[in-house]
Amino acid sequence: MNHTSSDHHQIKVVSSFSELVNTPFQGNVNAMCWKRNPAGDFKEIVSKLQLQENITEVSVEDLLSISLSEKGDLARQTILNDLRLLTGFGAQPSLNLLKNYERDDEFDFISTDVYSYHVDRSPIGTDTFLCTYHGAASDILPNDQAVQKITVPEIRKKLKALHNGPEEDFKAFLKENYFDLHYQSIPNAQPINLGLNHLWRLAVDHPEQAVLPCVHRAPVENDGEYRLLLIS
């Protein structure tokens, strides 16, 4: 399998919010990107916000209560507008100031935290929206460069030992513990970084989904730097 970095056949780039939410996923396309380069100083916003715990949800009131320079205010208007657009569309966006996510180190042979490549699953038709305004940005992995962890023989063997129950319950056990949502990259895989300030829409595993769900992961944070992330 020969992959060149320009071979992003799973990503469709759009130029407006309306195009982002109204273009159906089809074929190989399971990630859509409203590509943009908004003016403003997002770092200033991060420096003014207070981190309560490792992940702090930032409300509209919090955003409006900080005093910012003209450039900081431009960045704030972009974020407020994104929140408005997504809420108006019927999504439930949340703005997070992030030091780090919780790690899952329960088992040494399989990880189920957000730093592991995974897909999102929902019982209803929905999409994942995300935008990183500051800090390290998430990665997606082309589906043909991702292997479901539960299909890897040595991992599967250990999961069966962990399950220690009847074979017919094994599939339900994998689903209940979210093991089936996690993936590992093939050797020489080429993850695609989502970059800063672009608003992304990623396909989720749900009953009406016409395409493969998008495999993605949270990045390891840059040392001493918070992430500012919009997610829905």
C-alpha atoms as a PDB file:
ATOM      1  CA  MET A   1       0.000   0.000   0.000  1.00  0.00           C
ATOM      2  CA  ASN A   2       1.550   3.192  -1.126  1.00  0.00           C
ATOM      3  CA  HIS A   3       0.188   6.338   0.511  1.00  0.00           C
ATOM      4  CA  THR A   4       1.335   9.780  -0.433  1.00  0.00           C
ATOM      5  CA  SER A   5       0.620  12.686   1.876  1.00  0.00           C
ATOM      6  CA  SER A   6      -1.594  14.255  -0.792  1.00  0.00           C
ATOM      7  CA  ASP A   7      -3.831  11.174  -0.825  1.00  0.00           C
ATOM      8  CA  HIS A   8      -6.459  12.596   1.531  1.00  0.00           C
ATOM      9  CA  HIS A   9      -9.380  11.070  -0.345  1.00  0.00           C
ATOM     10  CA  GLN A  10     -11.365  10.776   2.903  1.00  0.00           C
ATOM     11  CA  ILE A  11     -11.415  14.552   3.512  1.00  0.00           C
ATOM     12  CA  LYS A  12     -13.683  17.012   1.758  1.00  0.00           C
ATOM     13  CA  VAL A  13     -12.791  20.687   2.176  1.00  0.00           C
ATOM     14  CA  VAL A  14     -15.702  23.144   2.233  1.00  0.00           C
ATOM     15  CA  SER A  15     -15.868  26.917   2.438  1.00  0.00           C
ATOM     16  CA  SER A  16     -18.855  27.663   4.695  1.00  0.00           C
ATOM     17  CA  PHE A  17     -20.680  26.378   7.755  1.00  0.00           C
ATOM     18  CA  SER A  18     -23.791  25.647   5.713  1.00  0.00           C
ATOM     19  CA  GLU A  19     -21.757  23.500   3.306  1.00  0.00           C
ATOM     20  CA  LEU A  20     -20.070  21.784   6.286  1.00  0.00           C
ATOM     21  CA  VAL A  21     -23.360  20.637   7.824  1.00  0.00           C
ATOM     22  CA  ASN A  22     -25.373  20.044   4.647  1.00  0.00           C
ATOM     23  CA  THR A  23     -22.940  18.037   2.512  1.00  0.00           C
ATOM     24  CA  PRO A  24     -23.611  14.326   2.973  1.00  0.00           C
ATOM     25  CA  PHE A  25     -20.765  11.947   3.708  1.00  0.00           C
ATOM     26  CA  GLN A  26     -20.416   9.468   0.854  1.00  0.00           C
ATOM     27  CA  GLY A  27     -17.950   7.023  -0.649  1.00  0.00           C
ATOM     28  CA  ASN A  28     -14.622   7.284   1.182  1.00  0.00           C
ATOM     29  CA  VAL A  29     -15.353  10.750   2.569  1.00  0.00           C
ATOM     30  CA  ASN A  30     -15.868  10.604   6.345  1.00  0.00           C
ATOM     31  CA  ALA A  31     -14.228  13.881   7.410  1.00  0.00           C
ATOM     32  CA  MET A  32     -15.240  17.353   6.344  1.00  0.00           C
ATOM     33  CA  CYS A  33     -13.220  20.484   6.947  1.00  0.00           C
ATOM     34  CA  TRP A  34     -14.382  24.093   6.887  1.00  0.00           C
ATOM     35  CA  LYS A  35     -10.948  25.464   6.212  1.00  0.00           C
ATOM     36  CA  ARG A  36     -10.339  28.970   7.482  1.00  0.00           C
ATOM     37  CA  ASN A  37      -7.749  31.257   8.944  1.00  0.00           C
ATOM     38  CA  PRO A  38      -9.552  33.601  11.346  1.00  0.00           C
ATOM     39  CA  ALA A  39      -7.870  36.743  12.593  1.00  0.00           C
ATOM     40  CA  GLY A  40      -7.235  37.178  16.279  1.00  0.00           C
ATOM     41  CA  ASP A  41      -5.141  36.116  19.222  1.00  0.00           C
ATOM     42  CA  PHE A  42      -6.430  32.831  20.630  1.00  0.00           C
ATOM     43  CA  LYS A  43      -3.421  32.483  22.904  1.00  0.00           C
ATOM     44  CA  GLU A  44      -4.481  35.614  24.762  1.00  0.00           C
ATOM     45  CA  ILE A  45      -7.855  34.014  25.531  1.00  0.00           C
ATOM     46  CA  VAL A  46      -6.117  30.927  26.920  1.00  0.00           C
ATOM     47  CA  SER A  47      -3.859  33.077  29.111  1.00  0.00           C
ATOM     48  CA  LYS A  48      -6.876  34.873  30.623  1.00  0.00           C
ATOM     49  CA  LEU A  49      -9.054  31.838  31.322  1.00  0.00           C
ATOM     50  CA  GLN A  50      -8.817  30.009  34.649  1.00  0.00           C
ATOM     51  CA  LEU A  51      -8.190  26.277  34.623  1.00  0.00           C
ATOM     52  CA  GLN A  52     -10.299  24.708  37.416  1.00  0.00           C
ATOM     53  CA  GLU A  53      -9.246  21.099  36.884  1.00  0.00           C
ATOM     54  CA  ASN A  54      -7.546  19.184  34.068  1.00  0.00           C
ATOM     55  CA  ILE A  55     -10.522  19.883  31.818  1.00  0.00           C
ATOM     56  CA  THR A  56     -12.521  23.062  32.390  1.00  0.00           C
ATOM     57  CA  GLU A  57     -15.677  23.734  30.440  1.00  0.00           C
ATOM     58  CA  VAL A  58     -15.690  27.399  29.447  1.00  0.00           C
ATOM     59  CA  SER A  59     -19.130  29.023  29.305  1.00  0.00           C
ATOM     60  CA  VAL A  60     -20.184  31.921  27.084  1.00  0.00           C
ATOM     61  CA  GLU A  61     -20.332  33.999  30.286  1.00  0.00           C
ATOM     62  CA  ASP A  62     -16.715  33.081  31.092  1.00  0.00           C
ATOM     63  CA  LEU A  63     -15.665  34.133  27.598  1.00  0.00           C
ATOM     64  CA  LEU A  64     -17.510  37.432  27.830  1.00  0.00           C
ATOM     65  CA  SER A  65     -16.184  38.226  31.310  1.00  0.00           C
ATOM     66  CA  ILE A  66     -12.482  38.379  30.391  1.00  0.00           C
ATOM     67  CA  SER A  67     -10.994  41.629  29.186  1.00  0.00           C
ATOM     68  CA  LEU A  68      -9.114  41.264  25.927  1.00  0.00           C
ATOM     69  CA  SER A  69      -7.147  43.359  23.466  1.00  0.00           C
ATOM     70  CA  GLU A  70      -8.626  44.020  20.027  1.00  0.00           C
ATOM     71  CA  LYS A  71      -6.904  40.898  18.662  1.00  0.00           C
ATOM     72  CA  GLY A  72      -8.083  38.802  21.573  1.00  0.00           C
ATOM     73  CA  ASP A  73     -11.617  40.042  21.018  1.00  0.00           C
ATOM     74  CA  LEU A  74     -11.485  39.050  17.330  1.00  0.00           C
ATOM     75  CA  ALA A  75     -10.585  35.524  18.406  1.00  0.00           C
ATOM     76  CA  ARG A  76     -13.406  35.567  20.972  1.00  0.00           C
ATOM     77  CA  GLN A  77     -15.927  36.606  18.274  1.00  0.00           C
ATOM     78  CA  THR A  78     -14.865  33.607  16.141  1.00  0.00           C
ATOM     79  CA  ILE A  79     -15.451  31.215  19.060  1.00  0.00           C
ATOM     80  CA  LEU A  80     -18.795  32.794  20.009  1.00  0.00           C
ATOM     81  CA  ASN A  81     -19.917  32.593  16.397  1.00  0.00           C
ATOM     82  CA  ASP A  82     -18.923  28.903  16.160  1.00  0.00           C
ATOM     83  CA  LEU A  83     -20.887  28.164  19.336  1.00  0.00           C
ATOM     84  CA  ARG A  84     -23.893  30.041  17.916  1.00  0.00           C
ATOM     85  CA  LEU A  85     -23.748  28.270  14.548  1.00  0.00           C
ATOM     86  CA  LEU A  86     -23.474  24.803  16.080  1.00  0.00           C
ATOM     87  CA  THR A  87     -26.183  25.439  18.675  1.00  0.00           C
ATOM     88  CA  GLY A  88     -28.458  26.826  15.943  1.00  0.00           C
ATOM     89  CA  PHE A  89     -27.835  23.652  13.927  1.00  0.00           C
ATOM     90  CA  GLY A  90     -29.005  21.557  16.887  1.00  0.00           C
ATOM     91  CA  ALA A  91     -25.604  20.371  18.105  1.00  0.00           C
ATOM     92  CA  GLN A  92     -24.496  20.705  21.735  1.00  0.00           C
ATOM     93  CA  PRO A  93     -21.039  22.244  21.511  1.00  0.00           C
ATOM     94  CA  SER A  94     -18.798  22.663  24.507  1.00  0.00           C
ATOM     95  CA  LEU A  95     -15.670  24.790  24.752  1.00  0.00           C
ATOM     96  CA  ASN A  96     -12.944  23.135  26.810  1.00  0.00           C
ATOM     97  CA  LEU A  97      -9.731  24.470  28.270  1.00  0.00           C
ATOM     98  CA  LEU A  98      -7.606  21.430  28.607  1.00  0.00           C
ATOM     99  CA  LYS A  99      -4.467  20.529  30.480  1.00  0.00           C
ATOM    100  CA  ASN A 100      -4.855  16.817  29.777  1.00  0.00           C
ATOM    101  CA  TYR A 101      -7.419  14.050  29.549  1.00  0.00           C
ATOM    102  CA  GLU A 102      -7.550  11.115  31.899  1.00  0.00           C
ATOM    103  CA  ARG A 103      -5.344   8.202  30.921  1.00  0.00           C
ATOM    104  CA  ASP A 104      -6.612   4.661  30.864  1.00  0.00           C
ATOM    105  CA  ASP A 105      -3.855   2.434  32.189  1.00  0.00           C
ATOM    106  CA  GLU A 106      -6.006  -0.377  33.535  1.00  0.00           C
ATOM    107  CA  PHE A 107      -4.664  -2.893  31.002  1.00  0.00           C
ATOM    108  CA  ASP A 108      -1.191  -2.827  29.510  1.00  0.00           C
ATOM    109  CA  PHE A 109      -2.303  -4.471  26.240  1.00  0.00           C
ATOM    110  CA  ILE A 110      -5.210  -2.207  25.234  1.00  0.00           C
ATOM    111  CA  SER A 111      -5.961   1.417  25.975  1.00  0.00           C
ATOM    112  CA  THR A 112      -9.444   2.941  25.699  1.00  0.00           C
ATOM    113  CA  ASP A 113      -8.698   6.602  26.373  1.00  0.00           C
ATOM    114  CA  VAL A 114      -8.993   9.410  23.807  1.00  0.00           C
ATOM    115  CA  TYR A 115      -5.227   9.361  23.115  1.00  0.00           C
ATOM    116  CA  SER A 116      -5.800   5.983  21.466  1.00  0.00           C
ATOM    117  CA  TYR A 117      -7.132   5.989  17.895  1.00  0.00           C
ATOM    118  CA  HIS A 118     -10.886   5.458  18.150  1.00  0.00           C
ATOM    119  CA  VAL A 119     -14.232   6.064  16.490  1.00  0.00           C
ATOM    120  CA  ASP A 120     -17.242   7.679  18.156  1.00  0.00           C
ATOM    121  CA  ARG A 121     -20.472   5.684  18.390  1.00  0.00           C
ATOM    122  CA  SER A 122     -24.014   6.952  18.878  1.00  0.00           C
ATOM    123  CA  PRO A 123     -27.436   5.269  18.978  1.00  0.00           C
ATOM    124  CA  ILE A 124     -28.814   8.132  16.847  1.00  0.00           C
ATOM    125  CA  GLY A 125     -27.712   9.806  13.615  1.00  0.00           C
ATOM    126  CA  THR A 126     -25.188  12.469  14.611  1.00  0.00           C
ATOM    127  CA  ASP A 127     -21.712  13.789  13.772  1.00  0.00           C
ATOM    128  CA  THR A 128     -18.720  14.871  15.835  1.00  0.00           C
ATOM    129  CA  PHE A 129     -17.682  18.508  15.371  1.00  0.00           C
ATOM    130  CA  LEU A 130     -14.348  19.785  16.581  1.00  0.00           C
ATOM    131  CA  CYS A 131     -12.033  22.737  16.305  1.00  0.00           C
ATOM    132  CA  THR A 132      -8.755  23.354  18.124  1.00  0.00           C
ATOM    133  CA  TYR A 133      -8.121  27.081  18.594  1.00  0.00           C
ATOM    134  CA  HIS A 134      -4.889  26.775  20.551  1.00  0.00           C
ATOM    135  CA  GLY A 135      -2.391  24.060  21.466  1.00  0.00           C
ATOM    136  CA  ALA A 136      -1.807  20.652  19.908  1.00  0.00           C
ATOM    137  CA  ALA A 137      -4.421  19.551  17.341  1.00  0.00           C
ATOM    138  CA  SER A 138      -6.095  16.147  16.915  1.00  0.00           C
ATOM    139  CA  ASP A 139      -5.149  13.556  14.278  1.00  0.00           C
ATOM    140  CA  ILE A 140      -7.261  11.392  12.031  1.00  0.00           C
ATOM    141  CA  LEU A 141      -6.142   8.149  10.450  1.00  0.00           C
ATOM    142  CA  PRO A 142      -7.253   6.896   7.034  1.00  0.00           C
ATOM    143  CA  ASN A 143      -9.458   3.836   7.586  1.00  0.00           C
ATOM    144  CA  ASP A 144      -7.239   1.655   5.404  1.00  0.00           C
ATOM    145  CA  GLN A 145      -4.292   2.457   7.722  1.00  0.00           C
ATOM    146  CA  ALA A 146      -6.186   1.500  10.892  1.00  0.00           C
ATOM    147  CA  VAL A 147      -6.647  -1.955  12.395  1.00  0.00           C
ATOM    148  CA  GLN A 148      -9.375  -2.617  14.960  1.00  0.00           C
ATOM    149  CA  LYS A 149      -7.493  -3.630  18.107  1.00  0.00           C
ATOM    150  CA  ILE A 150      -9.891  -6.470  18.930  1.00  0.00           C
ATOM    151  CA  THR A 151      -8.897  -8.193  15.658  1.00  0.00           C
ATOM    152  CA  VAL A 152      -5.187  -8.303  16.571  1.00  0.00           C
ATOM    153  CA  PRO A 153      -4.607 -11.957  17.627  1.00  0.00           C
ATOM    154  CA  GLU A 154      -2.521 -11.336  20.770  1.00  0.00           C
ATOM    155  CA  ILE A 155      -4.887  -8.591  21.990  1.00  0.00           C
ATOM    156  CA  ARG A 156      -7.951 -10.732  21.240  1.00  0.00           C
ATOM    157  CA  LYS A 157      -6.457 -13.638  23.170  1.00  0.00           C
ATOM    158  CA  LYS A 158      -5.893 -11.440  26.238  1.00  0.00           C
ATOM    159  CA  LEU A 159      -9.408  -9.990  25.982  1.00  0.00           C
ATOM    160  CA  LYS A 160     -10.859 -13.517  25.881  1.00  0.00           C
ATOM    161  CA  ALA A 161      -8.921 -14.377  29.035  1.00  0.00           C
ATOM    162  CA  LEU A 162     -10.182 -11.162  30.654  1.00  0.00           C
ATOM    163  CA  HIS A 163     -13.776 -11.942  29.634  1.00  0.00           C
ATOM    164  CA  ASN A 164     -13.554 -15.477  30.982  1.00  0.00           C
ATOM    165  CA  GLY A 165     -17.179 -16.189  30.022  1.00  0.00           C
ATOM    166  CA  PRO A 166     -19.223 -17.943  27.332  1.00  0.00           C
ATOM    167  CA  GLU A 167     -18.211 -17.287  23.704  1.00  0.00           C
ATOM    168  CA  GLU A 168     -21.671 -15.955  22.768  1.00  0.00           C
ATOM    169  CA  ASP A 169     -21.293 -13.113  25.307  1.00  0.00           C
ATOM    170  CA  PHE A 170     -17.837 -12.069  24.089  1.00  0.00           C
ATOM    171  CA  LYS A 171     -19.062  -9.614  21.444  1.00  0.00           C
ATOM    172  CA  ALA A 172     -21.335  -7.859  23.968  1.00  0.00           C
ATOM    173  CA  PHE A 173     -18.426  -7.718  26.442  1.00  0.00           C
ATOM    174  CA  LEU A 174     -16.226  -5.972  23.839  1.00  0.00           C
ATOM    175  CA  LYS A 175     -18.975  -3.449  23.101  1.00  0.00           C
ATOM    176  CA  GLU A 176     -19.857  -2.747  26.749  1.00  0.00           C
ATOM    177  CA  ASN A 177     -16.234  -1.922  27.549  1.00  0.00           C
ATOM    178  CA  TYR A 178     -15.707   0.115  24.339  1.00  0.00           C
ATOM    179  CA  PHE A 179     -12.841  -2.181  23.278  1.00  0.00           C
ATOM    180  CA  ASP A 180     -14.374  -2.464  19.781  1.00  0.00           C
ATOM    181  CA  LEU A 181     -14.093   1.310  19.192  1.00  0.00           C
ATOM    182  CA  HIS A 182     -10.289   1.390  19.402  1.00  0.00           C
ATOM    183  CA  TYR A 183      -7.759   1.038  16.616  1.00  0.00           C
ATOM    184  CA  GLN A 184      -4.045   0.895  16.067  1.00  0.00           C
ATOM    185  CA  SER A 185      -2.157   2.250  13.085  1.00  0.00           C
ATOM    186  CA  ILE A 186      -0.449  -0.006  10.578  1.00  0.00           C
ATOM    187  CA  PRO A 187       3.350   0.344  10.168  1.00  0.00           C
ATOM    188  CA  ASN A 188       4.246   3.512   8.194  1.00  0.00           C
ATOM    189  CA  ALA A 189       0.745   4.915   8.599  1.00  0.00           C
ATOM    190  CA  GLN A 190       0.384   8.624   7.839  1.00  0.00           C
ATOM    191  CA  PRO A 191      -1.949  10.322  10.296  1.00  0.00           C
ATOM    192  CA  ILE A 192      -3.449  13.613   9.146  1.00  0.00           C
ATOM    193  CA  ASN A 193      -3.223  16.472  11.635  1.00  0.00           C
ATOM    194  CA  LEU A 194      -6.388  18.575  11.810  1.00  0.00           C
ATOM    195  CA  GLY A 195      -4.517  21.823  12.359  1.00  0.00           C
ATOM    196  CA  LEU A 196      -5.721  24.969  14.145  1.00  0.00           C
ATOM    197  CA  ASN A 197      -8.923  26.987  13.693  1.00  0.00           C
ATOM    198  CA  HIS A 198     -10.532  24.777  11.052  1.00  0.00           C
ATOM    199  CA  LEU A 199     -13.960  23.431  12.002  1.00  0.00           C
ATOM    200  CA  TRP A 200     -14.185  19.695  11.359  1.00  0.00           C
ATOM    201  CA  ARG A 201     -17.123  17.341  11.050  1.00  0.00           C
ATOM    202  CA  LEU A 202     -16.278  13.666  11.540  1.00  0.00           C
ATOM    203  CA  ALA A 203     -18.451  10.649  10.741  1.00  0.00           C
ATOM    204  CA  VAL A 204     -19.727   8.684  13.737  1.00  0.00           C
ATOM    205  CA  ASP A 205     -20.697   5.013  13.935  1.00  0.00           C
ATOM    206  CA  HIS A 206     -24.515   5.019  14.134  1.00  0.00           C
ATOM    207  CA  PRO A 207     -27.322   2.903  12.626  1.00  0.00           C
ATOM    208  CA  GLU A 208     -28.029   5.095   9.557  1.00  0.00           C
ATOM    209  CA  GLN A 209     -24.393   5.878   8.755  1.00  0.00           C
ATOM    210  CA  ALA A 210     -23.559   5.464   5.050  1.00  0.00           C
ATOM    211  CA  VAL A 211     -19.756   5.649   5.443  1.00  0.00           C
ATOM    212  CA  LEU A 212     -17.067   4.215   7.696  1.00  0.00           C
ATOM    213  CA  PRO A 213     -16.712   6.164  10.961  1.00  0.00           C
ATOM    214  CA  CYS A 214     -13.708   8.488  11.140  1.00  0.00           C
ATOM    215  CA  VAL A 215     -10.767   7.150  13.173  1.00  0.00           C
ATOM    216  CA  HIS A 216      -9.211   9.918  15.286  1.00  0.00           C
ATOM    217  CA  ARG A 217      -7.323  10.617  18.487  1.00  0.00           C
ATOM    218  CA  ALA A 218      -6.511  13.443  20.869  1.00  0.00           C
ATOM    219  CA  PRO A 219      -2.904  14.628  20.629  1.00  0.00           C
ATOM    220  CA  VAL A 220      -0.426  14.462  23.461  1.00  0.00           C
ATOM    221  CA  GLU A 221      -0.386  18.046  24.714  1.00  0.00           C
ATOM    222  CA  ASN A 222       2.623  20.271  24.165  1.00  0.00           C
ATOM    223  CA  ASP A 223       4.581  20.677  27.368  1.00  0.00           C
ATOM    224  CA  GLY A 224       3.280  23.539  29.501  1.00  0.00           C
ATOM    225  CA  GLU A 225       0.652  24.528  26.943  1.00  0.00           C
ATOM    226  CA  TYR A 226      -3.116  24.298  27.351  1.00  0.00           C
ATOM    227  CA  ARG A 227      -5.433  23.349  24.508  1.00  0.00           C
ATOM    228  CA  LEU A 228      -8.558  25.330  23.709  1.00  0.00           C
ATOM    229  CA  LEU A 229     -10.977  23.022  21.980  1.00  0.00           C
ATOM    230  CA  LEU A 230     -14.542  23.186  20.726  1.00  0.00           C
ATOM    231  CA  ILE A 231     -16.211  19.784  20.603  1.00  0.00           C
ATOM    232  CA  SER A 232     -19.725  18.564  19.994  1.00  0.00           C
END
